[in-house]
Amino acid sequence: MDLFDVELGGRDDEGADAGGRWSWCGVITVGIFILLAMLISWVFGLVGRIF
């Protein structure tokens, strides 16, 4: 992974790789979506206990 690689799919200067590589931007984006899903689940659980 390259810290400054923001393009989707990573850089292609090493030839064709099977499967491709993840950039830091992709890893951070997926991590944010996972944390957001956990937060939404926690909020709905809290609201369900209150009402």
Protein backbone atom coordinates (compact mmCIF):
# COMPACT_ATOMS: atom_id res chain seq x y z
CA MET A 1 0.00 0.00 0.00
CA ASP A 2 1.11 3.51 -0.79
CA LEU A 3 0.12 6.22 1.72
CA PHE A 4 -0.32 8.88 -0.96
CA ASP A 5 -2.13 6.70 -3.50
CA VAL A 6 -5.70 7.99 -3.69
CA GLU A 7 -6.72 6.38 -6.98
CA LEU A 8 -9.12 3.47 -6.76
CA GLY A 9 -7.32 0.22 -7.44
CA GLY A 10 -3.81 1.45 -6.65
CA ARG A 11 -0.94 2.27 -8.97
CA ASP A 12 -0.17 0.06 -11.91
CA ASP A 13 3.58 0.59 -12.29
CA GLU A 14 4.47 -2.94 -11.20
CA GLY A 15 2.67 -4.72 -14.03
CA ALA A 16 -0.52 -6.73 -13.96
CA ASP A 17 -1.15 -8.37 -10.60
CA ALA A 18 -3.86 -10.91 -10.02
CA GLY A 19 -6.42 -9.42 -7.65
CA GLY A 20 -4.99 -5.90 -7.48
CA ARG A 21 -3.93 -3.99 -4.35
CA TRP A 22 -5.71 -1.69 -1.91
CA SER A 23 -4.73 1.95 -1.47
CA TRP A 24 -4.78 3.64 1.94
CA CYS A 25 -7.74 5.69 0.77
CA GLY A 26 -9.73 2.50 0.13
CA VAL A 27 -8.77 0.98 3.47
CA ILE A 28 -9.75 4.14 5.36
CA THR A 29 -13.04 4.42 3.44
CA VAL A 30 -14.03 0.83 4.24
CA GLY A 31 -13.03 1.36 7.88
CA ILE A 32 -15.20 4.47 8.14
CA PHE A 33 -18.18 2.61 6.66
CA ILE A 34 -17.72 -0.24 9.16
CA LEU A 35 -17.53 2.20 12.08
CA LEU A 36 -20.60 4.03 10.77
CA ALA A 37 -22.55 0.76 10.56
CA MET A 38 -21.55 -0.10 14.14
CA LEU A 39 -22.60 3.37 15.34
CA ILE A 40 -26.00 3.11 13.62
CA SER A 41 -26.55 -0.34 15.12
CA TRP A 42 -25.64 0.98 18.60
CA VAL A 43 -27.99 3.98 18.25
CA PHE A 44 -30.93 1.83 17.12
CA GLY A 45 -30.25 -0.58 19.99
CA LEU A 46 -30.24 2.31 22.47
CA VAL A 47 -33.46 3.76 21.03
CA GLY A 48 -35.07 0.32 21.15
CA ARG A 49 -34.28 0.00 24.87
CA ILE A 50 -35.67 3.46 25.65
CA PHE A 51 -39.01 3.01 23.86
